[in-house]
Amino acid sequence: MLTFILWCILFVICWPVAIIALILYPFIWLLLLPFMLLGFAVGGILAFFKALFYLPARIIGGR
């Protein structure tokens, strides 16, 4: 919702830039998609290592 409000403000201030941004947005999203997927993968790996690190404490029953 915030993105839409910012786009509306940009449209009022400078409509040619807003139209160009509207057209280029899908291409930029496609360009950044591999980096988003990489971020999900790294987050999953870090969550796995965190769970593995805390496993002995969970087995013992520590808090």
PDB file of N, CA and C in Angstrom:
ATOM      1  N   MET A   1       0.828  -1.189   0.000  1.00  0.00           N
ATOM      2  CA  MET A   1       0.000   0.000   0.000  1.00  0.00           C
ATOM      3  C   MET A   1       0.875   1.257   0.000  1.00  0.00           C
ATOM      4  N   LEU A   2       1.968   1.201   0.757  1.00  0.00           N
ATOM      5  CA  LEU A   2       2.860   2.347   0.813  1.00  0.00           C
ATOM      6  C   LEU A   2       3.494   2.620  -0.558  1.00  0.00           C
ATOM      7  N   THR A   3       3.818   1.548  -1.263  1.00  0.00           N
ATOM      8  CA  THR A   3       4.399   1.700  -2.598  1.00  0.00           C
ATOM      9  C   THR A   3       3.422   2.409  -3.527  1.00  0.00           C
ATOM     10  N   PHE A   4       2.152   2.042  -3.438  1.00  0.00           N
ATOM     11  CA  PHE A   4       1.143   2.676  -4.280  1.00  0.00           C
ATOM     12  C   PHE A   4       0.995   4.157  -3.953  1.00  0.00           C
ATOM     13  N   ILE A   5       1.007   4.493  -2.678  1.00  0.00           N
ATOM     14  CA  ILE A   5       0.891   5.909  -2.282  1.00  0.00           C
ATOM     15  C   ILE A   5       2.101   6.700  -2.768  1.00  0.00           C
ATOM     16  N   LEU A   6       3.300   6.113  -2.636  1.00  0.00           N
ATOM     17  CA  LEU A   6       4.496   6.782  -3.147  1.00  0.00           C
ATOM     18  C   LEU A   6       4.433   6.954  -4.660  1.00  0.00           C
ATOM     19  N   TRP A   7       3.901   5.939  -5.356  1.00  0.00           N
ATOM     20  CA  TRP A   7       3.773   6.057  -6.807  1.00  0.00           C
ATOM     21  C   TRP A   7       2.783   7.163  -7.170  1.00  0.00           C
ATOM     22  N   CYS A   8       1.692   7.272  -6.432  1.00  0.00           N
ATOM     23  CA  CYS A   8       0.714   8.343  -6.691  1.00  0.00           C
ATOM     24  C   CYS A   8       1.344   9.722  -6.477  1.00  0.00           C
ATOM     25  N   ILE A   9       2.150   9.865  -5.438  1.00  0.00           N
ATOM     26  CA  ILE A   9       2.834  11.138  -5.205  1.00  0.00           C
ATOM     27  C   ILE A   9       3.792  11.432  -6.347  1.00  0.00           C
ATOM     28  N   LEU A  10       4.545  10.402  -6.771  1.00  0.00           N
ATOM     29  CA  LEU A  10       5.449  10.581  -7.906  1.00  0.00           C
ATOM     30  C   LEU A  10       4.679  10.935  -9.168  1.00  0.00           C
ATOM     31  N   PHE A  11       3.501  10.351  -9.352  1.00  0.00           N
ATOM     32  CA  PHE A  11       2.683  10.649 -10.523  1.00  0.00           C
ATOM     33  C   PHE A  11       2.233  12.108 -10.539  1.00  0.00           C
ATOM     34  N   VAL A  12       1.900  12.634  -9.375  1.00  0.00           N
ATOM     35  CA  VAL A  12       1.482  14.031  -9.292  1.00  0.00           C
ATOM     36  C   VAL A  12       2.663  14.963  -9.533  1.00  0.00           C
ATOM     37  N   ILE A  13       3.822  14.595  -8.984  1.00  0.00           N
ATOM     38  CA  ILE A  13       4.994  15.470  -9.105  1.00  0.00           C
ATOM     39  C   ILE A  13       5.582  15.422 -10.500  1.00  0.00           C
ATOM     40  N   CYS A  14       5.791  14.196 -11.018  1.00  0.00           N
ATOM     41  CA  CYS A  14       6.440  14.052 -12.323  1.00  0.00           C
ATOM     42  C   CYS A  14       5.875  12.809 -13.008  1.00  0.00           C
ATOM     43  N   TRP A  15       4.797  12.975 -13.779  1.00  0.00           N
ATOM     44  CA  TRP A  15       4.111  11.828 -14.336  1.00  0.00           C
ATOM     45  C   TRP A  15       4.926  11.029 -15.358  1.00  0.00           C
ATOM     46  N   PRO A  16       5.842  11.615 -16.147  1.00  0.00           N
ATOM     47  CA  PRO A  16       6.605  10.750 -17.068  1.00  0.00           C
ATOM     48  C   PRO A  16       7.496   9.737 -16.338  1.00  0.00           C
ATOM     49  N   VAL A  17       8.096  10.165 -15.236  1.00  0.00           N
ATOM     50  CA  VAL A  17       8.938   9.245 -14.458  1.00  0.00           C
ATOM     51  C   VAL A  17       8.073   8.159 -13.826  1.00  0.00           C
ATOM     52  N   ALA A  18       6.873   8.511 -13.389  1.00  0.00           N
ATOM     53  CA  ALA A  18       5.973   7.525 -12.791  1.00  0.00           C
ATOM     54  C   ALA A  18       5.537   6.486 -13.818  1.00  0.00           C
ATOM     55  N   ILE A  19       5.265   6.900 -15.032  1.00  0.00           N
ATOM     56  CA  ILE A  19       4.869   5.957 -16.081  1.00  0.00           C
ATOM     57  C   ILE A  19       6.043   5.049 -16.433  1.00  0.00           C
ATOM     58  N   ILE A  20       7.248   5.592 -16.521  1.00  0.00           N
ATOM     59  CA  ILE A  20       8.437   4.780 -16.816  1.00  0.00           C
ATOM     60  C   ILE A  20       8.662   3.775 -15.683  1.00  0.00           C
ATOM     61  N   ALA A  21       8.495   4.215 -14.446  1.00  0.00           N
ATOM     62  CA  ALA A  21       8.652   3.308 -13.304  1.00  0.00           C
ATOM     63  C   ALA A  21       7.611   2.196 -13.345  1.00  0.00           C
ATOM     64  N   LEU A  22       6.400   2.528 -13.744  1.00  0.00           N
ATOM     65  CA  LEU A  22       5.334   1.531 -13.830  1.00  0.00           C
ATOM     66  C   LEU A  22       5.638   0.499 -14.907  1.00  0.00           C
ATOM     67  N   ILE A  23       6.231   0.930 -16.001  1.00  0.00           N
ATOM     68  CA  ILE A  23       6.573   0.014 -17.094  1.00  0.00           C
ATOM     69  C   ILE A  23       7.786  -0.842 -16.735  1.00  0.00           C
ATOM     70  N   LEU A  24       8.781  -0.257 -16.066  1.00  0.00           N
ATOM     71  CA  LEU A  24      10.009  -0.979 -15.757  1.00  0.00           C
ATOM     72  C   LEU A  24       9.897  -1.871 -14.526  1.00  0.00           C
ATOM     73  N   TYR A  25       8.891  -1.704 -13.695  1.00  0.00           N
ATOM     74  CA  TYR A  25       8.766  -2.462 -12.459  1.00  0.00           C
ATOM     75  C   TYR A  25       8.774  -3.979 -12.672  1.00  0.00           C
ATOM     76  N   PRO A  26       8.008  -4.532 -13.626  1.00  0.00           N
ATOM     77  CA  PRO A  26       8.050  -5.991 -13.812  1.00  0.00           C
ATOM     78  C   PRO A  26       9.429  -6.494 -14.236  1.00  0.00           C
ATOM     79  N   PHE A  27      10.138  -5.745 -15.054  1.00  0.00           N
ATOM     80  CA  PHE A  27      11.462  -6.169 -15.494  1.00  0.00           C
ATOM     81  C   PHE A  27      12.468  -6.142 -14.339  1.00  0.00           C
ATOM     82  N   ILE A  28      12.369  -5.144 -13.489  1.00  0.00           N
ATOM     83  CA  ILE A  28      13.257  -5.067 -12.325  1.00  0.00           C
ATOM     84  C   ILE A  28      12.942  -6.202 -11.366  1.00  0.00           C
ATOM     85  N   TRP A  29      11.647  -6.525 -11.211  1.00  0.00           N
ATOM     86  CA  TRP A  29      11.250  -7.627 -10.342  1.00  0.00           C
ATOM     87  C   TRP A  29      11.821  -8.942 -10.852  1.00  0.00           C
ATOM     88  N   LEU A  30      11.740  -9.166 -12.167  1.00  0.00           N
ATOM     89  CA  LEU A  30      12.305 -10.383 -12.743  1.00  0.00           C
ATOM     90  C   LEU A  30      13.820 -10.432 -12.590  1.00  0.00           C
ATOM     91  N   LEU A  31      14.472  -9.295 -12.684  1.00  0.00           N
ATOM     92  CA  LEU A  31      15.914  -9.236 -12.520  1.00  0.00           C
ATOM     93  C   LEU A  31      16.323  -9.571 -11.081  1.00  0.00           C
ATOM     94  N   LEU A  32      15.528  -9.145 -10.105  1.00  0.00           N
ATOM     95  CA  LEU A  32      15.853  -9.366  -8.697  1.00  0.00           C
ATOM     96  C   LEU A  32      15.344 -10.697  -8.152  1.00  0.00           C
ATOM     97  N   LEU A  33      14.553 -11.432  -8.933  1.00  0.00           N
ATOM     98  CA  LEU A  33      13.981 -12.697  -8.470  1.00  0.00           C
ATOM     99  C   LEU A  33      15.033 -13.715  -8.038  1.00  0.00           C
ATOM    100  N   PRO A  34      16.122 -13.923  -8.782  1.00  0.00           N
ATOM    101  CA  PRO A  34      17.132 -14.884  -8.300  1.00  0.00           C
ATOM    102  C   PRO A  34      17.741 -14.497  -6.956  1.00  0.00           C
ATOM    103  N   PHE A  35      17.916 -13.212  -6.716  1.00  0.00           N
ATOM    104  CA  PHE A  35      18.472 -12.772  -5.437  1.00  0.00           C
ATOM    105  C   PHE A  35      17.491 -13.014  -4.296  1.00  0.00           C
ATOM    106  N   MET A  36      16.179 -12.871  -4.560  1.00  0.00           N
ATOM    107  CA  MET A  36      15.183 -13.168  -3.534  1.00  0.00           C
ATOM    108  C   MET A  36      15.197 -14.661  -3.216  1.00  0.00           C
ATOM    109  N   LEU A  37      15.285 -15.493  -4.241  1.00  0.00           N
ATOM    110  CA  LEU A  37      15.340 -16.937  -4.017  1.00  0.00           C
ATOM    111  C   LEU A  37      16.604 -17.324  -3.254  1.00  0.00           C
ATOM    112  N   LEU A  38      17.703 -16.694  -3.575  1.00  0.00           N
ATOM    113  CA  LEU A  38      18.954 -16.944  -2.849  1.00  0.00           C
ATOM    114  C   LEU A  38      18.813 -16.536  -1.386  1.00  0.00           C
ATOM    115  N   GLY A  39      18.135 -15.443  -1.126  1.00  0.00           N
ATOM    116  CA  GLY A  39      17.900 -15.000   0.246  1.00  0.00           C
ATOM    117  C   GLY A  39      17.058 -15.994   1.027  1.00  0.00           C
ATOM    118  N   PHE A  40      16.022 -16.557   0.387  1.00  0.00           N
ATOM    119  CA  PHE A  40      15.218 -17.579   1.050  1.00  0.00           C
ATOM    120  C   PHE A  40      16.056 -18.812   1.358  1.00  0.00           C
ATOM    121  N   ALA A  41      16.907 -19.208   0.415  1.00  0.00           N
ATOM    122  CA  ALA A  41      17.742 -20.394   0.614  1.00  0.00           C
ATOM    123  C   ALA A  41      18.735 -20.165   1.750  1.00  0.00           C
ATOM    124  N   VAL A  42      19.387 -19.023   1.774  1.00  0.00           N
ATOM    125  CA  VAL A  42      20.351 -18.721   2.843  1.00  0.00           C
ATOM    126  C   VAL A  42      19.642 -18.643   4.187  1.00  0.00           C
ATOM    127  N   GLY A  43      18.470 -18.049   4.220  1.00  0.00           N
ATOM    128  CA  GLY A  43      17.703 -17.993   5.471  1.00  0.00           C
ATOM    129  C   GLY A  43      17.324 -19.379   5.968  1.00  0.00           C
ATOM    130  N   GLY A  44      16.956 -20.259   5.051  1.00  0.00           N
ATOM    131  CA  GLY A  44      16.630 -21.628   5.439  1.00  0.00           C
ATOM    132  C   GLY A  44      17.833 -22.379   5.965  1.00  0.00           C
ATOM    133  N   ILE A  45      18.986 -22.205   5.332  1.00  0.00           N
ATOM    134  CA  ILE A  45      20.204 -22.859   5.789  1.00  0.00           C
ATOM    135  C   ILE A  45      20.606 -22.344   7.170  1.00  0.00           C
ATOM    136  N   LEU A  46      20.501 -21.034   7.375  1.00  0.00           N
ATOM    137  CA  LEU A  46      20.842 -20.480   8.689  1.00  0.00           C
ATOM    138  C   LEU A  46      19.873 -20.962   9.772  1.00  0.00           C
ATOM    139  N   ALA A  47      18.594 -21.084   9.433  1.00  0.00           N
ATOM    140  CA  ALA A  47      17.631 -21.614  10.396  1.00  0.00           C
ATOM    141  C   ALA A  47      17.947 -23.076  10.728  1.00  0.00           C
ATOM    142  N   PHE A  48      18.381 -23.831   9.725  1.00  0.00           N
ATOM    143  CA  PHE A  48      18.766 -25.225   9.961  1.00  0.00           C
ATOM    144  C   PHE A  48      19.956 -25.303  10.901  1.00  0.00           C
ATOM    145  N   PHE A  49      20.975 -24.486  10.672  1.00  0.00           N
ATOM    146  CA  PHE A  49      22.153 -24.495  11.539  1.00  0.00           C
ATOM    147  C   PHE A  49      21.813 -24.035  12.958  1.00  0.00           C
ATOM    148  N   LYS A  50      20.908 -23.097  13.078  1.00  0.00           N
ATOM    149  CA  LYS A  50      20.485 -22.643  14.399  1.00  0.00           C
ATOM    150  C   LYS A  50      19.780 -23.769  15.141  1.00  0.00           C
ATOM    151  N   ALA A  51      18.897 -24.485  14.443  1.00  0.00           N
ATOM    152  CA  ALA A  51      18.203 -25.606  15.062  1.00  0.00           C
ATOM    153  C   ALA A  51      19.188 -26.707  15.437  1.00  0.00           C
ATOM    154  N   LEU A  52      20.161 -26.938  14.581  1.00  0.00           N
ATOM    155  CA  LEU A  52      21.178 -27.949  14.861  1.00  0.00           C
ATOM    156  C   LEU A  52      22.035 -27.548  16.056  1.00  0.00           C
ATOM    157  N   PHE A  53      22.341 -26.278  16.173  1.00  0.00           N
ATOM    158  CA  PHE A  53      23.159 -25.773  17.284  1.00  0.00           C
ATOM    159  C   PHE A  53      22.417 -25.884  18.618  1.00  0.00           C
ATOM    160  N   TYR A  54      21.113 -25.610  18.606  1.00  0.00           N
ATOM    161  CA  TYR A  54      20.337 -25.642  19.836  1.00  0.00           C
ATOM    162  C   TYR A  54      19.778 -27.028  20.152  1.00  0.00           C
ATOM    163  N   LEU A  55      20.020 -28.004  19.299  1.00  0.00           N
ATOM    164  CA  LEU A  55      19.463 -29.335  19.510  1.00  0.00           C
ATOM    165  C   LEU A  55      19.915 -29.977  20.819  1.00  0.00           C
ATOM    166  N   PRO A  56      21.212 -29.941  21.185  1.00  0.00           N
ATOM    167  CA  PRO A  56      21.598 -30.563  22.458  1.00  0.00           C
ATOM    168  C   PRO A  56      20.877 -29.946  23.666  1.00  0.00           C
ATOM    169  N   ALA A  57      20.718 -28.651  23.667  1.00  0.00           N
ATOM    170  CA  ALA A  57      20.026 -27.993  24.784  1.00  0.00           C
ATOM    171  C   ALA A  57      18.563 -28.386  24.805  1.00  0.00           C
ATOM    172  N   ARG A  58      17.957 -28.575  23.663  1.00  0.00           N
ATOM    173  CA  ARG A  58      16.554 -28.971  23.625  1.00  0.00           C
ATOM    174  C   ARG A  58      16.372 -30.411  24.081  1.00  0.00           C
ATOM    175  N   ILE A  59      17.367 -31.258  23.753  1.00  0.00           N
ATOM    176  CA  ILE A  59      17.275 -32.643  24.184  1.00  0.00           C
ATOM    177  C   ILE A  59      17.414 -32.737  25.701  1.00  0.00           C
ATOM    178  N   ILE A  60      18.366 -31.986  26.280  1.00  0.00           N
ATOM    179  CA  ILE A  60      18.567 -31.978  27.727  1.00  0.00           C
ATOM    180  C   ILE A  60      17.374 -31.353  28.431  1.00  0.00           C
ATOM    181  N   GLY A  61      16.745 -30.400  27.806  1.00  0.00           N
ATOM    182  CA  GLY A  61      15.577 -29.759  28.398  1.00  0.00           C
ATOM    183  C   GLY A  61      15.888 -28.404  28.986  1.00  0.00           C
ATOM    184  N   GLY A  62      17.037 -27.827  28.606  1.00  0.00           N
ATOM    185  CA  GLY A  62      17.395 -26.506  29.105  1.00  0.00           C
ATOM    186  C   GLY A  62      16.579 -25.418  28.440  1.00  0.00           C
ATOM    187  N   ARG A  63      16.562 -24.291  29.095  1.00  0.00           N
ATOM    188  CA  ARG A  63      15.791 -23.185  28.522  1.00  0.00           C
ATOM    189  C   ARG A  63      16.740 -22.190  27.997  1.00  0.00           C
TER     190      ARG A  63
END
